[in-house]
Amino acid sequence: MEHINKAGAAPAPKTRRVKTAWYRQLYFWVLTAILIGVLLGWLAPTAGIAMEPIGTTFVNAMRMLIGPIVFLTIVGGIASVADLKKVGMTGLKALTYFQLGTICALVFGLVAINIFRLGEGVNAVAGTPSRPLMPPRSSSTPVRTRNGGSS
């Protein structure tokens, strides 16, 4: 006997999910790229160093995209909720989780610093570096501008 829901309609038939091949999965290619990077750095360090600008460009592109992606995800999530009370409750839950996570991290940090005594014995005075970080710039030092010229 087929199960009928309260509305009187039969349940929708289950659809079968088509399995994709293992070599078409994203995780496979990510792990492959990590393995190639490790092998390249181990077996040919000069080639790995030569490819450093590619990695830096990729990381900078990801850092540039994260902000808009997070913002648009939040805006899309809020826009998809019809009831504003649900949005408020979700925001309250998120704020509560954030506060609880912050308190846990603070307590964990305070306990860790008191157990391990990190920084004990370091003789450092705040605000006075032992040597200047950069030589002072005089007014005669040329400054490169964006278009390549100097002023």
N, C-alpha and C. Protein backbone atom coordinates (compact mmCIF):
# COMPACT_ATOMS: atom_id res chain seq x y z
N MET A 1 0.85 -1.18 0.00
CA MET A 1 0.00 0.00 0.00
C MET A 1 0.89 1.23 0.00
N GLU A 2 0.57 2.15 -0.87
CA GLU A 2 1.39 3.35 -1.01
C GLU A 2 1.01 4.37 0.06
N HIS A 3 2.03 5.03 0.61
CA HIS A 3 1.80 6.02 1.66
C HIS A 3 1.22 7.29 1.03
N ILE A 4 0.18 7.81 1.62
CA ILE A 4 -0.44 9.04 1.14
C ILE A 4 -0.31 10.08 2.24
N ASN A 5 0.13 11.28 1.85
CA ASN A 5 0.31 12.33 2.86
C ASN A 5 -1.03 12.93 3.25
N LYS A 6 -1.02 13.84 4.21
CA LYS A 6 -2.26 14.40 4.77
C LYS A 6 -3.08 15.17 3.75
N ALA A 7 -2.42 15.74 2.75
CA ALA A 7 -3.15 16.51 1.75
C ALA A 7 -3.88 15.60 0.77
N GLY A 8 -3.59 14.30 0.80
CA GLY A 8 -4.28 13.36 -0.07
C GLY A 8 -3.52 13.05 -1.34
N ALA A 9 -2.42 13.71 -1.59
CA ALA A 9 -1.66 13.46 -2.80
C ALA A 9 -0.56 12.44 -2.53
N ALA A 10 -0.23 11.67 -3.53
CA ALA A 10 0.85 10.69 -3.40
C ALA A 10 2.19 11.42 -3.38
N PRO A 11 3.18 10.87 -2.66
CA PRO A 11 4.48 11.53 -2.62
C PRO A 11 5.15 11.52 -3.99
N ALA A 12 6.00 12.49 -4.20
CA ALA A 12 6.71 12.58 -5.47
C ALA A 12 7.66 11.39 -5.61
N PRO A 13 7.81 10.86 -6.81
CA PRO A 13 8.72 9.73 -6.99
C PRO A 13 10.17 10.18 -6.73
N LYS A 14 10.94 9.26 -6.16
CA LYS A 14 12.33 9.59 -5.86
C LYS A 14 13.13 9.62 -7.16
N THR A 15 13.92 10.66 -7.31
CA THR A 15 14.77 10.77 -8.50
C THR A 15 16.14 10.20 -8.17
N ARG A 16 16.71 9.50 -9.12
CA ARG A 16 18.03 8.92 -8.92
C ARG A 16 19.08 9.96 -9.28
N ARG A 17 20.04 10.08 -8.41
CA ARG A 17 21.13 11.02 -8.64
C ARG A 17 22.21 10.33 -9.47
N VAL A 18 22.58 10.96 -10.54
CA VAL A 18 23.58 10.38 -11.43
C VAL A 18 24.96 10.59 -10.80
N LYS A 19 25.70 9.51 -10.65
CA LYS A 19 27.04 9.60 -10.08
C LYS A 19 28.01 10.06 -11.16
N THR A 20 28.84 11.03 -10.81
CA THR A 20 29.86 11.48 -11.75
C THR A 20 31.14 10.71 -11.49
N ALA A 21 31.94 10.62 -12.50
CA ALA A 21 33.20 9.88 -12.40
C ALA A 21 34.13 10.57 -11.40
N TRP A 22 35.00 9.80 -10.77
CA TRP A 22 35.88 10.33 -9.73
C TRP A 22 36.81 11.40 -10.28
N TYR A 23 37.20 11.29 -11.53
CA TYR A 23 38.12 12.28 -12.10
C TYR A 23 37.42 13.57 -12.53
N ARG A 24 36.10 13.63 -12.36
CA ARG A 24 35.37 14.86 -12.63
C ARG A 24 34.96 15.58 -11.36
N GLN A 25 35.35 15.05 -10.22
CA GLN A 25 35.02 15.66 -8.93
C GLN A 25 36.02 16.77 -8.62
N LEU A 26 35.53 17.84 -8.02
CA LEU A 26 36.39 18.98 -7.69
C LEU A 26 37.45 18.59 -6.67
N TYR A 27 37.08 17.81 -5.65
CA TYR A 27 38.05 17.45 -4.62
C TYR A 27 39.23 16.69 -5.21
N PHE A 28 38.99 15.88 -6.24
CA PHE A 28 40.09 15.14 -6.88
C PHE A 28 41.10 16.11 -7.47
N TRP A 29 40.63 17.14 -8.16
CA TRP A 29 41.55 18.08 -8.80
C TRP A 29 42.25 18.97 -7.79
N VAL A 30 41.57 19.31 -6.70
CA VAL A 30 42.22 20.09 -5.65
C VAL A 30 43.34 19.28 -5.01
N LEU A 31 43.06 18.03 -4.67
CA LEU A 31 44.10 17.18 -4.08
C LEU A 31 45.24 16.92 -5.06
N THR A 32 44.92 16.77 -6.35
CA THR A 32 45.95 16.58 -7.36
C THR A 32 46.84 17.82 -7.46
N ALA A 33 46.25 19.00 -7.43
CA ALA A 33 47.03 20.24 -7.50
C ALA A 33 47.92 20.38 -6.27
N ILE A 34 47.42 20.02 -5.10
CA ILE A 34 48.24 20.09 -3.89
C ILE A 34 49.42 19.13 -4.01
N LEU A 35 49.16 17.92 -4.48
CA LEU A 35 50.23 16.93 -4.63
C LEU A 35 51.27 17.40 -5.65
N ILE A 36 50.83 17.95 -6.77
CA ILE A 36 51.76 18.47 -7.77
C ILE A 36 52.59 19.61 -7.19
N GLY A 37 51.96 20.50 -6.43
CA GLY A 37 52.69 21.60 -5.81
C GLY A 37 53.74 21.12 -4.83
N VAL A 38 53.39 20.13 -4.01
CA VAL A 38 54.36 19.58 -3.05
C VAL A 38 55.52 18.92 -3.79
N LEU A 39 55.21 18.12 -4.80
CA LEU A 39 56.27 17.45 -5.56
C LEU A 39 57.15 18.46 -6.30
N LEU A 40 56.55 19.50 -6.85
CA LEU A 40 57.33 20.52 -7.55
C LEU A 40 58.26 21.25 -6.60
N GLY A 41 57.77 21.59 -5.42
CA GLY A 41 58.61 22.27 -4.44
C GLY A 41 59.71 21.38 -3.90
N TRP A 42 59.46 20.07 -3.86
CA TRP A 42 60.45 19.14 -3.30
C TRP A 42 61.49 18.73 -4.34
N LEU A 43 61.01 18.42 -5.57
CA LEU A 43 61.92 17.91 -6.59
C LEU A 43 62.58 19.02 -7.42
N ALA A 44 61.90 20.13 -7.61
CA ALA A 44 62.45 21.23 -8.42
C ALA A 44 62.15 22.55 -7.73
N PRO A 45 62.90 22.88 -6.66
CA PRO A 45 62.59 24.09 -5.91
C PRO A 45 62.69 25.37 -6.73
N THR A 46 63.60 25.42 -7.70
CA THR A 46 63.71 26.64 -8.51
C THR A 46 62.46 26.85 -9.36
N ALA A 47 61.90 25.76 -9.88
CA ALA A 47 60.66 25.88 -10.65
C ALA A 47 59.51 26.31 -9.74
N GLY A 48 59.51 25.80 -8.51
CA GLY A 48 58.49 26.21 -7.55
C GLY A 48 58.58 27.68 -7.22
N ILE A 49 59.81 28.17 -7.05
CA ILE A 49 60.01 29.60 -6.77
C ILE A 49 59.60 30.44 -7.97
N ALA A 50 59.88 29.94 -9.18
CA ALA A 50 59.49 30.68 -10.39
C ALA A 50 57.97 30.77 -10.53
N MET A 51 57.24 29.80 -9.96
CA MET A 51 55.78 29.81 -10.06
C MET A 51 55.12 30.58 -8.93
N GLU A 52 55.91 31.15 -8.03
CA GLU A 52 55.38 31.89 -6.88
C GLU A 52 54.44 33.03 -7.29
N PRO A 53 54.73 33.80 -8.35
CA PRO A 53 53.78 34.86 -8.73
C PRO A 53 52.39 34.33 -9.08
N ILE A 54 52.32 33.14 -9.63
CA ILE A 54 51.01 32.56 -9.95
C ILE A 54 50.22 32.30 -8.67
N GLY A 55 50.89 31.73 -7.68
CA GLY A 55 50.23 31.47 -6.40
C GLY A 55 49.81 32.74 -5.70
N THR A 56 50.69 33.75 -5.73
CA THR A 56 50.37 35.03 -5.11
C THR A 56 49.18 35.69 -5.80
N THR A 57 49.16 35.63 -7.12
CA THR A 57 48.03 36.20 -7.87
C THR A 57 46.73 35.48 -7.52
N PHE A 58 46.79 34.15 -7.42
CA PHE A 58 45.60 33.38 -7.08
C PHE A 58 45.09 33.74 -5.69
N VAL A 59 46.00 33.81 -4.72
CA VAL A 59 45.58 34.14 -3.35
C VAL A 59 45.00 35.55 -3.29
N ASN A 60 45.62 36.50 -3.99
CA ASN A 60 45.09 37.87 -4.01
C ASN A 60 43.72 37.92 -4.67
N ALA A 61 43.52 37.13 -5.73
CA ALA A 61 42.21 37.09 -6.39
C ALA A 61 41.15 36.52 -5.44
N MET A 62 41.51 35.48 -4.70
CA MET A 62 40.57 34.89 -3.74
C MET A 62 40.23 35.89 -2.64
N ARG A 63 41.24 36.60 -2.14
CA ARG A 63 41.00 37.60 -1.10
C ARG A 63 40.09 38.71 -1.62
N MET A 64 40.25 39.05 -2.90
CA MET A 64 39.43 40.10 -3.48
C MET A 64 37.98 39.64 -3.65
N LEU A 65 37.77 38.36 -3.90
CA LEU A 65 36.43 37.85 -4.17
C LEU A 65 35.65 37.46 -2.92
N ILE A 66 36.33 37.20 -1.82
CA ILE A 66 35.65 36.69 -0.63
C ILE A 66 34.63 37.68 -0.08
N GLY A 67 34.99 38.95 0.01
CA GLY A 67 34.07 39.96 0.54
C GLY A 67 32.76 40.03 -0.23
N PRO A 68 32.82 40.25 -1.56
CA PRO A 68 31.57 40.30 -2.32
C PRO A 68 30.77 38.99 -2.27
N ILE A 69 31.45 37.86 -2.26
CA ILE A 69 30.73 36.58 -2.21
C ILE A 69 29.97 36.45 -0.90
N VAL A 70 30.62 36.78 0.21
CA VAL A 70 29.95 36.70 1.51
C VAL A 70 28.78 37.68 1.55
N PHE A 71 29.00 38.92 1.10
CA PHE A 71 27.95 39.93 1.11
C PHE A 71 26.75 39.48 0.27
N LEU A 72 27.01 39.02 -0.95
CA LEU A 72 25.91 38.61 -1.82
C LEU A 72 25.20 37.36 -1.30
N THR A 73 25.93 36.48 -0.64
CA THR A 73 25.29 35.31 -0.05
C THR A 73 24.33 35.72 1.06
N ILE A 74 24.76 36.66 1.89
CA ILE A 74 23.90 37.14 2.98
C ILE A 74 22.68 37.87 2.42
N VAL A 75 22.91 38.75 1.45
CA VAL A 75 21.79 39.50 0.85
C VAL A 75 20.82 38.54 0.16
N GLY A 76 21.34 37.55 -0.56
CA GLY A 76 20.48 36.57 -1.22
C GLY A 76 19.69 35.74 -0.22
N GLY A 77 20.33 35.39 0.89
CA GLY A 77 19.63 34.64 1.93
C GLY A 77 18.52 35.44 2.56
N ILE A 78 18.79 36.71 2.83
CA ILE A 78 17.76 37.57 3.42
C ILE A 78 16.62 37.80 2.43
N ALA A 79 16.98 38.01 1.16
CA ALA A 79 15.95 38.27 0.15
C ALA A 79 15.06 37.04 -0.09
N SER A 80 15.60 35.85 0.13
CA SER A 80 14.80 34.65 -0.14
C SER A 80 13.83 34.32 0.99
N VAL A 81 13.98 34.96 2.14
CA VAL A 81 13.08 34.71 3.27
C VAL A 81 11.92 35.69 3.18
N ALA A 82 10.72 35.16 3.14
CA ALA A 82 9.54 36.01 3.01
C ALA A 82 9.17 36.66 4.34
N ASP A 83 9.35 35.96 5.44
CA ASP A 83 8.94 36.44 6.75
C ASP A 83 10.11 37.16 7.42
N LEU A 84 9.94 38.44 7.73
CA LEU A 84 11.02 39.22 8.33
C LEU A 84 11.34 38.77 9.75
N LYS A 85 10.38 38.14 10.44
CA LYS A 85 10.67 37.63 11.78
C LYS A 85 11.71 36.52 11.72
N LYS A 86 11.65 35.70 10.67
CA LYS A 86 12.64 34.64 10.51
C LYS A 86 14.03 35.23 10.27
N VAL A 87 14.09 36.33 9.52
CA VAL A 87 15.38 36.99 9.29
C VAL A 87 15.94 37.50 10.61
N GLY A 88 15.08 38.10 11.42
CA GLY A 88 15.52 38.61 12.72
C GLY A 88 15.99 37.50 13.63
N MET A 89 15.27 36.37 13.64
CA MET A 89 15.68 35.24 14.48
C MET A 89 16.99 34.65 14.00
N THR A 90 17.17 34.58 12.69
CA THR A 90 18.43 34.06 12.15
C THR A 90 19.57 34.99 12.51
N GLY A 91 19.35 36.29 12.42
CA GLY A 91 20.38 37.26 12.81
C GLY A 91 20.70 37.16 14.29
N LEU A 92 19.68 36.96 15.11
CA LEU A 92 19.91 36.82 16.55
C LEU A 92 20.71 35.55 16.84
N LYS A 93 20.38 34.46 16.15
CA LYS A 93 21.15 33.22 16.33
C LYS A 93 22.60 33.42 15.91
N ALA A 94 22.81 34.08 14.77
CA ALA A 94 24.17 34.30 14.30
C ALA A 94 24.96 35.16 15.28
N LEU A 95 24.34 36.21 15.80
CA LEU A 95 25.00 37.07 16.78
C LEU A 95 25.30 36.30 18.06
N THR A 96 24.38 35.45 18.48
CA THR A 96 24.61 34.63 19.68
C THR A 96 25.77 33.67 19.48
N TYR A 97 25.81 32.99 18.34
CA TYR A 97 26.92 32.08 18.06
C TYR A 97 28.24 32.83 18.00
N PHE A 98 28.23 34.01 17.39
CA PHE A 98 29.45 34.82 17.31
C PHE A 98 29.93 35.20 18.71
N GLN A 99 29.01 35.65 19.56
CA GLN A 99 29.39 36.03 20.92
C GLN A 99 29.90 34.83 21.71
N LEU A 100 29.23 33.69 21.60
CA LEU A 100 29.68 32.50 22.31
C LEU A 100 31.05 32.04 21.82
N GLY A 101 31.27 32.10 20.52
CA GLY A 101 32.58 31.74 19.97
C GLY A 101 33.67 32.68 20.45
N THR A 102 33.36 33.97 20.51
CA THR A 102 34.33 34.95 20.99
C THR A 102 34.66 34.72 22.46
N ILE A 103 33.65 34.45 23.27
CA ILE A 103 33.88 34.21 24.70
C ILE A 103 34.71 32.94 24.89
N CYS A 104 34.39 31.88 24.13
CA CYS A 104 35.17 30.63 24.24
C CYS A 104 36.62 30.87 23.84
N ALA A 105 36.86 31.61 22.77
CA ALA A 105 38.23 31.89 22.33
C ALA A 105 38.96 32.72 23.38
N LEU A 106 38.29 33.68 23.98
CA LEU A 106 38.90 34.51 25.02
C LEU A 106 39.27 33.67 26.23
N VAL A 107 38.37 32.83 26.68
CA VAL A 107 38.65 31.98 27.84
C VAL A 107 39.78 31.01 27.51
N PHE A 108 39.74 30.40 26.34
CA PHE A 108 40.80 29.47 25.93
C PHE A 108 42.15 30.18 25.88
N GLY A 109 42.19 31.38 25.33
CA GLY A 109 43.44 32.14 25.27
C GLY A 109 43.97 32.50 26.64
N LEU A 110 43.09 32.93 27.53
CA LEU A 110 43.53 33.28 28.89
C LEU A 110 44.04 32.06 29.65
N VAL A 111 43.36 30.94 29.51
CA VAL A 111 43.82 29.71 30.17
C VAL A 111 45.17 29.28 29.60
N ALA A 112 45.31 29.32 28.27
CA ALA A 112 46.56 28.89 27.63
C ALA A 112 47.72 29.79 28.04
N ILE A 113 47.50 31.10 28.10
CA ILE A 113 48.60 32.01 28.44
C ILE A 113 49.01 31.82 29.89
N ASN A 114 48.08 31.47 30.76
CA ASN A 114 48.43 31.25 32.17
C ASN A 114 49.07 29.88 32.40
N ILE A 115 48.76 28.91 31.58
CA ILE A 115 49.38 27.58 31.73
C ILE A 115 50.79 27.57 31.13
N PHE A 116 50.93 28.06 29.90
CA PHE A 116 52.20 27.95 29.19
C PHE A 116 53.14 29.13 29.42
N ARG A 117 52.66 30.22 29.99
CA ARG A 117 53.48 31.40 30.30
C ARG A 117 54.25 31.90 29.07
N LEU A 118 53.54 32.07 27.97
CA LEU A 118 54.17 32.56 26.75
C LEU A 118 54.66 33.99 26.94
N GLY A 119 55.85 34.28 26.46
CA GLY A 119 56.42 35.62 26.54
C GLY A 119 57.15 35.90 27.83
N GLU A 120 57.15 34.96 28.74
CA GLU A 120 57.83 35.17 30.01
C GLU A 120 59.34 35.23 29.76
N GLY A 121 59.99 36.24 30.32
CA GLY A 121 61.43 36.40 30.16
C GLY A 121 61.83 37.27 28.99
N VAL A 122 60.86 37.71 28.19
CA VAL A 122 61.17 38.60 27.07
C VAL A 122 61.28 40.01 27.61
N ASN A 123 62.38 40.66 27.31
CA ASN A 123 62.59 42.03 27.78
C ASN A 123 62.30 42.98 26.63
N ALA A 124 61.08 43.43 26.52
CA ALA A 124 60.68 44.31 25.44
C ALA A 124 59.94 45.51 26.01
N VAL A 125 60.26 46.67 25.47
CA VAL A 125 59.59 47.90 25.87
C VAL A 125 58.67 48.30 24.72
N ALA A 126 57.42 48.51 25.03
CA ALA A 126 56.45 48.84 23.99
C ALA A 126 56.75 50.20 23.39
N GLY A 127 56.66 50.26 22.07
CA GLY A 127 56.79 51.54 21.38
C GLY A 127 58.21 51.95 21.05
N THR A 128 59.22 51.21 21.45
CA THR A 128 60.60 51.60 21.13
C THR A 128 61.31 50.42 20.46
N PRO A 129 61.38 50.43 19.13
CA PRO A 129 62.08 49.35 18.44
C PRO A 129 63.59 49.43 18.71
N SER A 130 64.25 48.29 18.70
CA SER A 130 65.68 48.27 18.98
C SER A 130 66.48 48.92 17.86
N ARG A 131 65.97 48.92 16.65
CA ARG A 131 66.62 49.61 15.54
C ARG A 131 65.53 50.16 14.63
N PRO A 132 65.82 51.20 13.88
CA PRO A 132 64.79 51.73 12.98
C PRO A 132 64.43 50.70 11.91
N LEU A 133 63.15 50.60 11.63
CA LEU A 133 62.69 49.63 10.65
C LEU A 133 63.07 50.03 9.24
N MET A 134 63.02 51.31 8.93
CA MET A 134 63.39 51.82 7.61
C MET A 134 64.17 53.10 7.80
N PRO A 135 65.10 53.37 6.91
CA PRO A 135 65.81 54.65 7.04
C PRO A 135 64.84 55.79 6.79
N PRO A 136 65.01 56.90 7.50
CA PRO A 136 64.10 58.03 7.29
C PRO A 136 64.24 58.56 5.87
N ARG A 137 63.11 58.93 5.27
CA ARG A 137 63.10 59.42 3.90
C ARG A 137 63.29 60.93 3.92
N SER A 138 64.20 61.38 3.12
CA SER A 138 64.40 62.83 3.01
C SER A 138 63.55 63.35 1.87
N SER A 139 63.43 64.66 1.78
CA SER A 139 62.61 65.24 0.73
C SER A 139 63.25 65.07 -0.64
N SER A 140 64.55 64.76 -0.69
CA SER A 140 65.22 64.58 -1.97
C SER A 140 65.11 63.15 -2.49
N THR A 141 64.54 62.24 -1.69
CA THR A 141 64.39 60.85 -2.13
C THR A 141 63.28 60.78 -3.17
N PRO A 142 63.58 60.23 -4.37
CA PRO A 142 62.51 60.16 -5.39
C PRO A 142 61.43 59.17 -4.96
N VAL A 143 60.20 59.51 -5.28
CA VAL A 143 59.06 58.67 -4.96
C VAL A 143 58.42 58.24 -6.26
N ARG A 144 58.24 56.93 -6.44
CA ARG A 144 57.61 56.43 -7.66
C ARG A 144 56.10 56.68 -7.61
N THR A 145 55.57 57.14 -8.70
CA THR A 145 54.13 57.34 -8.79
C THR A 145 53.51 56.17 -9.54
N ARG A 146 52.20 56.17 -9.66
CA ARG A 146 51.51 55.05 -10.30
C ARG A 146 51.88 54.88 -11.76
N ASN A 147 52.06 55.97 -12.48
CA ASN A 147 52.31 55.85 -13.91
C ASN A 147 53.78 55.60 -14.23
N GLY A 148 54.61 55.32 -13.23
CA GLY A 148 55.99 54.94 -13.48
C GLY A 148 56.97 56.09 -13.36
N GLY A 149 56.49 57.30 -13.37
CA GLY A 149 57.40 58.44 -13.24
C GLY A 149 57.79 58.66 -11.80
N SER A 150 58.70 59.57 -11.56
CA SER A 150 59.08 59.89 -10.19
C SER A 150 58.87 61.37 -9.95
N SER A 151 58.64 61.71 -8.70
CA SER A 151 58.39 63.11 -8.37
C SER A 151 59.50 63.66 -7.52
